[in-house]
Amino acid sequence: MNKYLDISPEVAEALREGRSVVALESTIISHGMPYPKNVETAMLVEKTVREHGAVPATIAVIGGRLKAGLSPEEIEYLGKSGRSVAKASRRDLAALVARGADGATTVTTTMLIAHLAGIKVFATGGIGGVHRGAETTMDISADLEELGNTPVMVVCAGAKSILDLGLTLEYLETKGVPVIGYGTDELPAFYTRRSGFGVDYRVDSPSELAAMFAASQGLGMKGGMLVTNPIPEQYAMDKAVIDAAIEKALAEASEKGIKGKETTPFLLAKVVELTGGDSLESNIKLVLNNAALAAETASELCKL
């Protein structure tokens, strides 16, 4: 085991016994929502994973230690600390470990730490991707590189709709990452069920997802697999409303010169404000939906 990694006793026992485990990110706790909603949501996501037959492993960096599985007290600590905790991508891990610092893990670092711990399935809200205007800014999320290099299945509600979805799909294709639609032929766009872009494959059951991932591992494929799970119909937002809010948020980010890792948290918070909180509630519902599917898929994977 990596000398910088701490696996919680519950997660370690489940992995030893060949039981299903689902990794969960921590950026949603520190940077995604206000306190105490962030802690309530994190605990609810863990509860959902358990209800669907798997052990949750929320991942973070605390005191310079890579953590696979957090205690309720550690989740509360991250929630209260909020944005004072570093948003930790791959480039930040060595510095955080060396300095004994804290970090909330993005999709990238959650995948990386999950893989170190031996966890194969990860549930999140939406992945990062190619930002609008990337042809001049070169703002492309490290999530896409990690998906091309780390063999973890990521269950999400598609790429965040603040992104350039077409370019994001092109980038994933170049990296050899299969984009799978769960019960859909069309890429979901986080707050909405449809984007106008197709997926590589449609799958209609957790057992088929598990079989695909097992085949990928058996073939020695080095990269991950992206499962896009549409937000439930009753919680989806009107596309015109969300698109208008995103355009306003993008314009304000440009005016304020917001760039790099601060872009996504700013845009998501602004969209929450512009939609009167509706987007926050949709965000919570889609994360719970992804956690349930990830747990069911992880359980099927353990049977193979």
Foldseek 3Di string as FASTA:
>chain_A
DDPQEDEDPVRLVCVVVLFFEAEEFFCCQQQVDAPPVSLVLVVVLQVLLVVLGHHYFYWWAAQLGTYGRDDSVVSVVSNVCHPVAAADAPVCNVVCNVRRGIHTYALRVSLVSCVVVVHAEYEYEAHFAAAPVCVPVVAGDCNLVQQLAAAHEYEYQYHALRGDRVVRVVSNVVSVEFEEEAVDQARGHRLGNHDPHGGPYYDHALLVVLVVSVVCVVVVRRGYYYYHYHQPPVLHDDPVQLVVQSVVQVVVCVVVVPDDPVNVSSSSVSSCVSVVNSSVVSSSRRSSVRSSSRSNNSRSNSVD
